[in-house]
Amino acid sequence: MTANFLIGLREGLEASLIVVLLLAYVAKTGRQHLIPRIWCGVGLALGVSLGFGALLTFGPRGLTFEAQEAIGGGLSVLAVGLVTWMVFWMARTARSLGSELRSSVDKAADGAAWGLVIVAALAVGREGLETALFLWAAAQATGQTTIPLLGAVLGLGVAAFLGYLLHRGVLKVNLSRFFTWTGAALIIIAGGVLAYGIHDLQEAGILPGLNTLAFDLSVTIPPSSWYGTLLKGTLNFSPATTWLEATAWVAYVIPTMYFYLRSHRRSQAPQLSGPPAAPAPVDAAAVSTVVN
C-alpha cells in the first residue's frame, strides 16, 4: 500500500501540476473560455487511463498460466523502463515544462477548437498511462489487488487535493525537492518490480534459473508476517530470491540511482555557483516557475 500510495502521489502530482500550469496560463492571458477545453482533455485522459488499467487487469484472464506469466513479466519490465524514463525526464525538463506547455497552448489556441483538448489529453494522458501500467505491475508484485489499489487511490486523491491548493495559491511547497526524493524512492520500488518481472519470465520458462536461489529467508522473514508483508508492500522484497532476480535488482538500482543523483547534482550546480538566494516557495501566482 505504501509503495502504491507513493506512486499515485508522485504521478498524480505531476499530472495535477500540468493542469495547474495550463489553467494558470490561460487565465493570465485572458483566455478563460479555453478552460472547459482543458477539463475536457483531462477527462478524456482519465477515461483512457482507466480503460487501459481495466485492460491490464482483466485482459490476460483465460490465458494459460505460462502466457499470463509471460505477459505479466514483459509488462513489468516495460513499466520499469517507463518509470525510469519518467524520473529522468522530469529531472531534465522540469525547468522548461512551463514554457513548453505555454507554447503548446498558444499554438492550440490559434488552431482548431479541439486543439487544446488534445494538448491537455496528451499531457495528462502520458502520466495516466504510465501510472496505470506501473501500479498494475506493482500490484502484481505484491500479489494483492485491493490494498495496492486503495493506496494508489489515496495517493491520487492527495495529489489532486495538493494540486487544488496550488491552483488556489494556498499551498507553498518546494516541488523540486519533492520530485527529487520521490524519484529516488521510485527507483528502489522499480527495482523490486523488475525483480518480480524477471521471476514471472522465469515461471513462464522464458528465462532460466527458477530454482537457483541466491538466498531463502522465508524462515527468518515469513511472507505472512507483518514485517514480511511490510517489506513486500514497500520494496517488493521476496524472501526467496533467485540469482537472476538479485542480479537484475543490483544491476538496475545501483547504476540508475548513481546517474539519477549525479544528474540532479549537475542540475543544481549553476544555482550553487551563484550568490545565495532565499528559497522561493511555489504558489499559483508564480506558477510559471513552479518547478525550479
C-alpha atoms as a PDB file:
ATOM      1  CA  MET A   1       0.000   0.000   0.000  1.00  0.00           C
ATOM      2  CA  THR A   2       2.809   2.426   0.883  1.00  0.00           C
ATOM      3  CA  ALA A   3       4.597   1.917  -2.424  1.00  0.00           C
ATOM      4  CA  ASN A   4       1.412   2.376  -4.441  1.00  0.00           C
ATOM      5  CA  PHE A   5       0.476   5.441  -2.393  1.00  0.00           C
ATOM      6  CA  LEU A   6       3.861   6.945  -3.303  1.00  0.00           C
ATOM      7  CA  ILE A   7       3.374   6.070  -6.969  1.00  0.00           C
ATOM      8  CA  GLY A   8      -0.114   7.590  -7.013  1.00  0.00           C
ATOM      9  CA  LEU A   9       1.084  10.690  -5.168  1.00  0.00           C
ATOM     10  CA  ARG A  10       4.098  11.265  -7.394  1.00  0.00           C
ATOM     11  CA  GLU A  11       2.377  10.626 -10.727  1.00  0.00           C
ATOM     12  CA  GLY A  12      -0.822  12.328  -9.645  1.00  0.00           C
ATOM     13  CA  LEU A  13       1.029  15.441  -8.551  1.00  0.00           C
ATOM     14  CA  GLU A  14       2.851  15.581 -11.878  1.00  0.00           C
ATOM     15  CA  ALA A  15      -0.472  15.435 -13.719  1.00  0.00           C
ATOM     16  CA  SER A  16      -2.013  17.984 -11.314  1.00  0.00           C
ATOM     17  CA  LEU A  17       0.943  20.282 -11.848  1.00  0.00           C
ATOM     18  CA  ILE A  18       0.413  20.164 -15.609  1.00  0.00           C
ATOM     19  CA  VAL A  19      -3.261  21.042 -15.181  1.00  0.00           C
ATOM     20  CA  VAL A  20      -2.384  23.892 -12.792  1.00  0.00           C
ATOM     21  CA  LEU A  21       0.105  25.288 -15.316  1.00  0.00           C
ATOM     22  CA  LEU A  22      -2.424  25.118 -18.142  1.00  0.00           C
ATOM     23  CA  LEU A  23      -5.208  26.737 -16.109  1.00  0.00           C
ATOM     24  CA  ALA A  24      -2.965  29.494 -14.786  1.00  0.00           C
ATOM     25  CA  TYR A  25      -1.620  30.383 -18.207  1.00  0.00           C
ATOM     26  CA  VAL A  26      -4.987  30.594 -19.982  1.00  0.00           C
ATOM     27  CA  ALA A  27      -6.291  32.716 -17.081  1.00  0.00           C
ATOM     28  CA  LYS A  28      -3.279  35.051 -17.199  1.00  0.00           C
ATOM     29  CA  THR A  29      -3.614  35.546 -20.947  1.00  0.00           C
ATOM     30  CA  GLY A  30      -7.351  36.279 -20.772  1.00  0.00           C
ATOM     31  CA  ARG A  31      -8.423  33.043 -22.408  1.00  0.00           C
ATOM     32  CA  GLN A  32     -10.840  31.804 -19.755  1.00  0.00           C
ATOM     33  CA  HIS A  33     -13.095  30.473 -22.498  1.00  0.00           C
ATOM     34  CA  LEU A  34     -10.470  27.760 -23.098  1.00  0.00           C
ATOM     35  CA  ILE A  35     -10.751  26.331 -19.570  1.00  0.00           C
ATOM     36  CA  PRO A  36     -13.623  23.915 -20.429  1.00  0.00           C
ATOM     37  CA  ARG A  37     -11.463  22.509 -23.234  1.00  0.00           C
ATOM     38  CA  ILE A  38      -8.662  21.803 -20.743  1.00  0.00           C
ATOM     39  CA  TRP A  39     -11.039  19.929 -18.456  1.00  0.00           C
ATOM     40  CA  CYS A  40     -12.436  18.038 -21.435  1.00  0.00           C
ATOM     41  CA  GLY A  41      -8.922  16.908 -22.329  1.00  0.00           C
ATOM     42  CA  VAL A  42      -8.247  15.913 -18.714  1.00  0.00           C
ATOM     43  CA  GLY A  43     -11.460  13.868 -18.637  1.00  0.00           C
ATOM     44  CA  LEU A  44     -10.514  12.149 -21.895  1.00  0.00           C
ATOM     45  CA  ALA A  45      -7.065  11.294 -20.491  1.00  0.00           C
ATOM     46  CA  LEU A  46      -8.590   9.863 -17.302  1.00  0.00           C
ATOM     47  CA  GLY A  47     -11.025   7.738 -19.288  1.00  0.00           C
ATOM     48  CA  VAL A  48      -8.276   6.296 -21.490  1.00  0.00           C
ATOM     49  CA  SER A  49      -6.066   5.611 -18.443  1.00  0.00           C
ATOM     50  CA  LEU A  50      -8.883   3.813 -16.606  1.00  0.00           C
ATOM     51  CA  GLY A  51      -9.661   1.778 -19.704  1.00  0.00           C
ATOM     52  CA  PHE A  52      -6.010   0.823 -20.041  1.00  0.00           C
ATOM     53  CA  GLY A  53      -5.903  -0.218 -16.378  1.00  0.00           C
ATOM     54  CA  ALA A  54      -9.026  -2.364 -16.840  1.00  0.00           C
ATOM     55  CA  LEU A  55      -7.493  -3.987 -19.911  1.00  0.00           C
ATOM     56  CA  LEU A  56      -4.354  -4.852 -17.960  1.00  0.00           C
ATOM     57  CA  THR A  57      -6.401  -6.271 -15.084  1.00  0.00           C
ATOM     58  CA  PHE A  58      -8.988  -8.326 -16.943  1.00  0.00           C
ATOM     59  CA  GLY A  59      -7.412  -8.861 -20.364  1.00  0.00           C
ATOM     60  CA  PRO A  60      -4.974 -11.711 -19.560  1.00  0.00           C
ATOM     61  CA  ARG A  61      -7.642 -13.826 -17.818  1.00  0.00           C
ATOM     62  CA  GLY A  62      -8.470 -17.033 -19.628  1.00  0.00           C
ATOM     63  CA  LEU A  63      -4.927 -17.474 -20.930  1.00  0.00           C
ATOM     64  CA  THR A  64      -2.649 -20.311 -19.866  1.00  0.00           C
ATOM     65  CA  PHE A  65      -0.526 -19.853 -16.750  1.00  0.00           C
ATOM     66  CA  GLU A  66       2.664 -19.535 -18.815  1.00  0.00           C
ATOM     67  CA  ALA A  67       1.074 -16.941 -21.096  1.00  0.00           C
ATOM     68  CA  GLN A  68      -0.151 -14.892 -18.129  1.00  0.00           C
ATOM     69  CA  GLU A  69       3.300 -15.005 -16.551  1.00  0.00           C
ATOM     70  CA  ALA A  70       4.956 -14.030 -19.824  1.00  0.00           C
ATOM     71  CA  ILE A  71       2.626 -11.061 -20.314  1.00  0.00           C
ATOM     72  CA  GLY A  72       2.952 -10.019 -16.674  1.00  0.00           C
ATOM     73  CA  GLY A  73       6.728 -10.248 -16.735  1.00  0.00           C
ATOM     74  CA  GLY A  74       7.021  -8.360 -20.005  1.00  0.00           C
ATOM     75  CA  LEU A  75       4.712  -5.578 -18.844  1.00  0.00           C
ATOM     76  CA  SER A  76       6.583  -5.320 -15.529  1.00  0.00           C
ATOM     77  CA  VAL A  77       9.863  -4.819 -17.373  1.00  0.00           C
ATOM     78  CA  LEU A  78       8.159  -2.259 -19.636  1.00  0.00           C
ATOM     79  CA  ALA A  79       6.765  -0.452 -16.579  1.00  0.00           C
ATOM     80  CA  VAL A  80      10.244  -0.213 -15.071  1.00  0.00           C
ATOM     81  CA  GLY A  81      11.570   1.245 -18.317  1.00  0.00           C
ATOM     82  CA  LEU A  82       8.781   3.823 -18.473  1.00  0.00           C
ATOM     83  CA  VAL A  83       9.085   4.934 -14.847  1.00  0.00           C
ATOM     84  CA  THR A  84      12.872   5.217 -15.237  1.00  0.00           C
ATOM     85  CA  TRP A  85      12.419   7.385 -18.308  1.00  0.00           C
ATOM     86  CA  MET A  86       9.820   9.459 -16.470  1.00  0.00           C
ATOM     87  CA  VAL A  87      12.078  10.086 -13.462  1.00  0.00           C
ATOM     88  CA  PHE A  88      14.995  11.226 -15.616  1.00  0.00           C
ATOM     89  CA  TRP A  89      12.703  13.199 -17.945  1.00  0.00           C
ATOM     90  CA  MET A  90      11.203  15.115 -15.048  1.00  0.00           C
ATOM     91  CA  ALA A  91      14.640  15.869 -13.623  1.00  0.00           C
ATOM     92  CA  ARG A  92      15.880  17.077 -17.009  1.00  0.00           C
ATOM     93  CA  THR A  93      12.913  19.081 -18.307  1.00  0.00           C
ATOM     94  CA  ALA A  94      11.287  20.361 -15.114  1.00  0.00           C
ATOM     95  CA  ARG A  95      12.686  23.870 -15.645  1.00  0.00           C
ATOM     96  CA  SER A  96      11.286  24.158 -19.163  1.00  0.00           C
ATOM     97  CA  LEU A  97       7.968  22.399 -18.531  1.00  0.00           C
ATOM     98  CA  GLY A  98       6.059  25.649 -18.048  1.00  0.00           C
ATOM     99  CA  SER A  99       7.398  27.258 -21.224  1.00  0.00           C
ATOM    100  CA  GLU A 100       6.719  24.099 -23.269  1.00  0.00           C
ATOM    101  CA  LEU A 101       3.117  23.977 -22.112  1.00  0.00           C
ATOM    102  CA  ARG A 102       2.628  27.705 -22.763  1.00  0.00           C
ATOM    103  CA  SER A 103       3.940  27.254 -26.296  1.00  0.00           C
ATOM    104  CA  SER A 104       1.553  24.336 -26.845  1.00  0.00           C
ATOM    105  CA  VAL A 105      -1.377  26.388 -25.545  1.00  0.00           C
ATOM    106  CA  ASP A 106      -0.526  29.279 -27.860  1.00  0.00           C
ATOM    107  CA  LYS A 107      -0.395  27.005 -30.895  1.00  0.00           C
ATOM    108  CA  ALA A 108      -3.612  25.215 -29.944  1.00  0.00           C
ATOM    109  CA  ALA A 109      -5.464  28.455 -29.216  1.00  0.00           C
ATOM    110  CA  ASP A 110      -4.647  29.739 -32.683  1.00  0.00           C
ATOM    111  CA  GLY A 111      -5.665  26.485 -34.362  1.00  0.00           C
ATOM    112  CA  ALA A 112      -8.651  24.176 -34.261  1.00  0.00           C
ATOM    113  CA  ALA A 113     -11.194  24.361 -31.472  1.00  0.00           C
ATOM    114  CA  TRP A 114     -10.236  20.895 -30.198  1.00  0.00           C
ATOM    115  CA  GLY A 115      -6.510  21.610 -30.263  1.00  0.00           C
ATOM    116  CA  LEU A 116      -6.302  22.434 -26.563  1.00  0.00           C
ATOM    117  CA  VAL A 117      -8.324  19.323 -25.721  1.00  0.00           C
ATOM    118  CA  ILE A 118      -5.613  17.273 -27.435  1.00  0.00           C
ATOM    119  CA  VAL A 119      -2.836  19.194 -25.646  1.00  0.00           C
ATOM    120  CA  ALA A 120      -4.394  18.558 -22.229  1.00  0.00           C
ATOM    121  CA  ALA A 121      -5.246  14.940 -23.056  1.00  0.00           C
ATOM    122  CA  LEU A 122      -1.720  14.138 -24.233  1.00  0.00           C
ATOM    123  CA  ALA A 123      -0.003  15.956 -21.353  1.00  0.00           C
ATOM    124  CA  VAL A 124      -2.127  14.321 -18.656  1.00  0.00           C
ATOM    125  CA  GLY A 125      -2.685  11.056 -20.521  1.00  0.00           C
ATOM    126  CA  ARG A 126       1.023  10.287 -20.643  1.00  0.00           C
ATOM    127  CA  GLU A 127       1.155  10.439 -16.859  1.00  0.00           C
ATOM    128  CA  GLY A 128      -2.072   8.444 -16.572  1.00  0.00           C
ATOM    129  CA  LEU A 129      -0.927   5.582 -18.807  1.00  0.00           C
ATOM    130  CA  GLU A 130       2.437   5.373 -17.033  1.00  0.00           C
ATOM    131  CA  THR A 131       0.640   5.357 -13.683  1.00  0.00           C
ATOM    132  CA  ALA A 132      -1.803   2.629 -14.732  1.00  0.00           C
ATOM    133  CA  LEU A 133       0.965   0.369 -16.017  1.00  0.00           C
ATOM    134  CA  PHE A 134       3.296   0.852 -13.060  1.00  0.00           C
ATOM    135  CA  LEU A 135       0.522   0.487 -10.491  1.00  0.00           C
ATOM    136  CA  TRP A 136      -0.615  -2.705 -12.177  1.00  0.00           C
ATOM    137  CA  ALA A 137       2.942  -4.070 -12.173  1.00  0.00           C
ATOM    138  CA  ALA A 138       3.435  -3.097  -8.512  1.00  0.00           C
ATOM    139  CA  ALA A 139       0.128  -4.721  -7.540  1.00  0.00           C
ATOM    140  CA  GLN A 140       1.113  -7.904  -9.353  1.00  0.00           C
ATOM    141  CA  ALA A 141       4.448  -7.901  -7.495  1.00  0.00           C
ATOM    142  CA  THR A 142       2.719  -7.795  -4.106  1.00  0.00           C
ATOM    143  CA  GLY A 143       0.238 -10.495  -5.068  1.00  0.00           C
ATOM    144  CA  GLN A 144      -2.711  -8.376  -3.907  1.00  0.00           C
ATOM    145  CA  THR A 145      -5.251  -6.138  -5.611  1.00  0.00           C
ATOM    146  CA  THR A 146      -7.476  -4.353  -3.084  1.00  0.00           C
ATOM    147  CA  ILE A 147      -4.856  -2.892  -0.736  1.00  0.00           C
ATOM    148  CA  PRO A 148      -2.494  -1.650  -3.515  1.00  0.00           C
ATOM    149  CA  LEU A 149      -5.494  -0.118  -5.291  1.00  0.00           C
ATOM    150  CA  LEU A 150      -6.549   1.612  -2.081  1.00  0.00           C
ATOM    151  CA  GLY A 151      -3.047   3.008  -1.617  1.00  0.00           C
ATOM    152  CA  ALA A 152      -2.987   4.275  -5.195  1.00  0.00           C
ATOM    153  CA  VAL A 153      -6.414   5.911  -4.873  1.00  0.00           C
ATOM    154  CA  LEU A 154      -5.338   7.626  -1.645  1.00  0.00           C
ATOM    155  CA  GLY A 155      -2.146   8.858  -3.305  1.00  0.00           C
ATOM    156  CA  LEU A 156      -4.036  10.189  -6.320  1.00  0.00           C
ATOM    157  CA  GLY A 157      -6.590  11.829  -4.029  1.00  0.00           C
ATOM    158  CA  VAL A 158      -3.899  13.592  -2.006  1.00  0.00           C
ATOM    159  CA  ALA A 159      -2.191  14.674  -5.246  1.00  0.00           C
ATOM    160  CA  ALA A 160      -5.436  16.123  -6.601  1.00  0.00           C
ATOM    161  CA  PHE A 161      -6.020  17.984  -3.328  1.00  0.00           C
ATOM    162  CA  LEU A 162      -2.472  19.388  -3.369  1.00  0.00           C
ATOM    163  CA  GLY A 163      -2.975  20.435  -6.977  1.00  0.00           C
ATOM    164  CA  TYR A 164      -6.165  22.264  -5.996  1.00  0.00           C
ATOM    165  CA  LEU A 165      -4.338  24.057  -3.178  1.00  0.00           C
ATOM    166  CA  LEU A 166      -1.553  25.027  -5.589  1.00  0.00           C
ATOM    167  CA  HIS A 167      -4.105  26.384  -8.040  1.00  0.00           C
ATOM    168  CA  ARG A 168      -5.810  28.420  -5.320  1.00  0.00           C
ATOM    169  CA  GLY A 169      -2.484  29.797  -4.113  1.00  0.00           C
ATOM    170  CA  VAL A 170      -2.992  28.317  -0.634  1.00  0.00           C
ATOM    171  CA  LEU A 171      -0.107  25.838  -0.710  1.00  0.00           C
ATOM    172  CA  LYS A 172       3.571  26.690  -0.979  1.00  0.00           C
ATOM    173  CA  VAL A 173       5.895  23.734  -1.455  1.00  0.00           C
ATOM    174  CA  ASN A 174       9.378  23.022  -2.752  1.00  0.00           C
ATOM    175  CA  LEU A 175       8.389  20.784  -5.663  1.00  0.00           C
ATOM    176  CA  SER A 176      11.982  20.357  -6.809  1.00  0.00           C
ATOM    177  CA  ARG A 177      12.949  18.659  -3.556  1.00  0.00           C
ATOM    178  CA  PHE A 178       9.729  16.634  -3.524  1.00  0.00           C
ATOM    179  CA  PHE A 179      10.297  15.209  -7.008  1.00  0.00           C
ATOM    180  CA  THR A 180      13.980  14.541  -6.265  1.00  0.00           C
ATOM    181  CA  TRP A 181      13.312  12.345  -3.229  1.00  0.00           C
ATOM    182  CA  THR A 182      10.235  10.619  -4.641  1.00  0.00           C
ATOM    183  CA  GLY A 183      12.200   9.897  -7.809  1.00  0.00           C
ATOM    184  CA  ALA A 184      14.890   8.166  -5.751  1.00  0.00           C
ATOM    185  CA  ALA A 185      12.229   6.182  -3.888  1.00  0.00           C
ATOM    186  CA  LEU A 186      10.580   5.142  -7.161  1.00  0.00           C
ATOM    187  CA  ILE A 187      13.895   3.767  -8.416  1.00  0.00           C
ATOM    188  CA  ILE A 188      14.018   1.446  -5.381  1.00  0.00           C
ATOM    189  CA  ILE A 189      10.395   0.401  -5.956  1.00  0.00           C
ATOM    190  CA  ALA A 190      11.072  -0.121  -9.662  1.00  0.00           C
ATOM    191  CA  GLY A 191      13.960  -2.423  -8.754  1.00  0.00           C
ATOM    192  CA  GLY A 192      11.511  -4.655  -6.891  1.00  0.00           C
ATOM    193  CA  VAL A 193       9.060  -4.595  -9.810  1.00  0.00           C
ATOM    194  CA  LEU A 194      11.892  -5.549 -12.177  1.00  0.00           C
ATOM    195  CA  ALA A 195      12.892  -8.495  -9.966  1.00  0.00           C
ATOM    196  CA  TYR A 196       9.279  -9.650  -9.869  1.00  0.00           C
ATOM    197  CA  GLY A 197       9.038  -9.320 -13.656  1.00  0.00           C
ATOM    198  CA  ILE A 198      12.156 -11.462 -14.010  1.00  0.00           C
ATOM    199  CA  HIS A 199      10.556 -14.058 -11.729  1.00  0.00           C
ATOM    200  CA  ASP A 200       7.421 -14.078 -13.898  1.00  0.00           C
ATOM    201  CA  LEU A 201       9.509 -14.647 -17.011  1.00  0.00           C
ATOM    202  CA  GLN A 202      11.304 -17.477 -15.221  1.00  0.00           C
ATOM    203  CA  GLU A 203       7.973 -19.102 -14.324  1.00  0.00           C
ATOM    204  CA  ALA A 204       6.905 -18.724 -17.954  1.00  0.00           C
ATOM    205  CA  GLY A 205      10.015 -20.672 -18.998  1.00  0.00           C
ATOM    206  CA  ILE A 206      11.421 -17.737 -20.965  1.00  0.00           C
ATOM    207  CA  LEU A 207      14.344 -17.140 -18.588  1.00  0.00           C
ATOM    208  CA  PRO A 208      16.311 -19.856 -16.772  1.00  0.00           C
ATOM    209  CA  GLY A 209      17.224 -20.253 -13.104  1.00  0.00           C
ATOM    210  CA  LEU A 210      13.804 -20.502 -11.452  1.00  0.00           C
ATOM    211  CA  ASN A 211      15.052 -22.982  -8.846  1.00  0.00           C
ATOM    212  CA  THR A 212      18.517 -21.458  -8.396  1.00  0.00           C
ATOM    213  CA  LEU A 213      18.139 -19.294  -5.303  1.00  0.00           C
ATOM    214  CA  ALA A 214      20.558 -16.594  -4.222  1.00  0.00           C
ATOM    215  CA  PHE A 215      19.044 -16.696  -0.745  1.00  0.00           C
ATOM    216  CA  ASP A 216      15.976 -18.002   1.051  1.00  0.00           C
ATOM    217  CA  LEU A 217      14.971 -16.066   4.173  1.00  0.00           C
ATOM    218  CA  SER A 218      11.473 -17.495   4.386  1.00  0.00           C
ATOM    219  CA  VAL A 219      12.129 -18.827   7.887  1.00  0.00           C
ATOM    220  CA  THR A 220      13.640 -15.574   9.158  1.00  0.00           C
ATOM    221  CA  ILE A 221      11.200 -13.328   7.270  1.00  0.00           C
ATOM    222  CA  PRO A 222       7.953 -15.288   6.823  1.00  0.00           C
ATOM    223  CA  PRO A 223       5.938 -13.819   3.923  1.00  0.00           C
ATOM    224  CA  SER A 224       2.803 -13.869   6.101  1.00  0.00           C
ATOM    225  CA  SER A 225       4.413 -11.917   8.975  1.00  0.00           C
ATOM    226  CA  TRP A 226       3.760  -8.211   9.425  1.00  0.00           C
ATOM    227  CA  TYR A 227       7.348  -7.289   8.618  1.00  0.00           C
ATOM    228  CA  GLY A 228       7.399  -9.647   5.634  1.00  0.00           C
ATOM    229  CA  THR A 229       4.213  -8.012   4.376  1.00  0.00           C
ATOM    230  CA  LEU A 230       5.682  -4.558   5.015  1.00  0.00           C
ATOM    231  CA  LEU A 231       8.859  -5.348   3.059  1.00  0.00           C
ATOM    232  CA  LYS A 232       6.812  -6.859   0.247  1.00  0.00           C
ATOM    233  CA  GLY A 233       4.428  -3.909   0.087  1.00  0.00           C
ATOM    234  CA  THR A 234       7.066  -1.180   0.209  1.00  0.00           C
ATOM    235  CA  LEU A 235      10.125  -2.662  -1.522  1.00  0.00           C
ATOM    236  CA  ASN A 236       8.604  -5.692  -3.324  1.00  0.00           C
ATOM    237  CA  PHE A 237      11.082  -7.778  -1.332  1.00  0.00           C
ATOM    238  CA  SER A 238      10.842 -11.549  -1.786  1.00  0.00           C
ATOM    239  CA  PRO A 239      12.348 -13.772   0.959  1.00  0.00           C
ATOM    240  CA  ALA A 240      13.163 -16.406  -1.670  1.00  0.00           C
ATOM    241  CA  THR A 241      15.048 -14.691  -4.485  1.00  0.00           C
ATOM    242  CA  THR A 242      16.730 -16.319  -7.459  1.00  0.00           C
ATOM    243  CA  TRP A 243      20.206 -15.349  -8.605  1.00  0.00           C
ATOM    244  CA  LEU A 244      18.815 -13.780 -11.759  1.00  0.00           C
ATOM    245  CA  GLU A 245      16.335 -11.660  -9.771  1.00  0.00           C
ATOM    246  CA  ALA A 246      19.040 -10.480  -7.363  1.00  0.00           C
ATOM    247  CA  THR A 247      21.438  -9.719 -10.201  1.00  0.00           C
ATOM    248  CA  ALA A 248      18.769  -7.740 -12.094  1.00  0.00           C
ATOM    249  CA  TRP A 249      17.913  -5.723  -8.954  1.00  0.00           C
ATOM    250  CA  VAL A 250      21.543  -4.791  -8.262  1.00  0.00           C
ATOM    251  CA  ALA A 251      22.332  -4.135 -11.935  1.00  0.00           C
ATOM    252  CA  TYR A 252      19.345  -1.798 -12.185  1.00  0.00           C
ATOM    253  CA  VAL A 253      19.160   0.043  -8.849  1.00  0.00           C
ATOM    254  CA  ILE A 254      22.831   0.885  -8.232  1.00  0.00           C
ATOM    255  CA  PRO A 255      23.756   2.435 -11.624  1.00  0.00           C
ATOM    256  CA  THR A 256      20.319   4.033 -12.084  1.00  0.00           C
ATOM    257  CA  MET A 257      20.473   5.662  -8.655  1.00  0.00           C
ATOM    258  CA  TYR A 258      24.031   6.828  -9.295  1.00  0.00           C
ATOM    259  CA  PHE A 259      23.220   8.502 -12.619  1.00  0.00           C
ATOM    260  CA  TYR A 260      19.974   9.936 -11.251  1.00  0.00           C
ATOM    261  CA  LEU A 261      21.659  11.585  -8.256  1.00  0.00           C
ATOM    262  CA  ARG A 262      24.521  12.759 -10.441  1.00  0.00           C
ATOM    263  CA  SER A 263      22.143  14.371 -12.924  1.00  0.00           C
ATOM    264  CA  HIS A 264      20.362  16.052 -10.016  1.00  0.00           C
ATOM    265  CA  ARG A 265      23.624  17.453  -8.643  1.00  0.00           C
ATOM    266  CA  ARG A 266      24.569  18.746 -12.084  1.00  0.00           C
ATOM    267  CA  SER A 267      21.200  20.454 -12.496  1.00  0.00           C
ATOM    268  CA  GLN A 268      21.719  22.183  -9.135  1.00  0.00           C
ATOM    269  CA  ALA A 269      25.342  23.188  -9.811  1.00  0.00           C
ATOM    270  CA  PRO A 270      24.584  26.519 -11.592  1.00  0.00           C
ATOM    271  CA  GLN A 271      22.415  27.590  -8.666  1.00  0.00           C
ATOM    272  CA  LEU A 272      25.096  26.709  -6.112  1.00  0.00           C
ATOM    273  CA  SER A 273      27.818  28.566  -8.025  1.00  0.00           C
ATOM    274  CA  GLY A 274      25.968  31.867  -7.859  1.00  0.00           C
ATOM    275  CA  PRO A 275      25.219  34.100  -4.886  1.00  0.00           C
ATOM    276  CA  PRO A 276      22.967  32.508  -2.263  1.00  0.00           C
ATOM    277  CA  ALA A 277      19.322  33.381  -2.569  1.00  0.00           C
ATOM    278  CA  ALA A 278      16.354  32.900  -0.300  1.00  0.00           C
ATOM    279  CA  PRO A 279      14.187  29.936  -1.313  1.00  0.00           C
ATOM    280  CA  ALA A 280      11.082  30.908  -3.234  1.00  0.00           C
ATOM    281  CA  PRO A 281       8.120  28.661  -2.413  1.00  0.00           C
ATOM    282  CA  VAL A 282       5.762  27.921  -5.234  1.00  0.00           C
ATOM    283  CA  ASP A 283       2.293  29.386  -5.447  1.00  0.00           C
ATOM    284  CA  ALA A 284      -0.267  29.824  -8.174  1.00  0.00           C
ATOM    285  CA  ALA A 285       0.719  33.439  -8.769  1.00  0.00           C
ATOM    286  CA  ALA A 286       4.161  32.288  -9.818  1.00  0.00           C
ATOM    287  CA  VAL A 287       3.079  29.085 -11.458  1.00  0.00           C
ATOM    288  CA  SER A 288       5.384  29.595 -14.424  1.00  0.00           C
ATOM    289  CA  THR A 289       8.288  28.866 -12.087  1.00  0.00           C
ATOM    290  CA  VAL A 290       6.547  26.048 -10.267  1.00  0.00           C
ATOM    291  CA  VAL A 291       9.336  23.557 -10.931  1.00  0.00           C
ATOM    292  CA  ASN A 292      12.592  25.274 -10.141  1.00  0.00           C
END
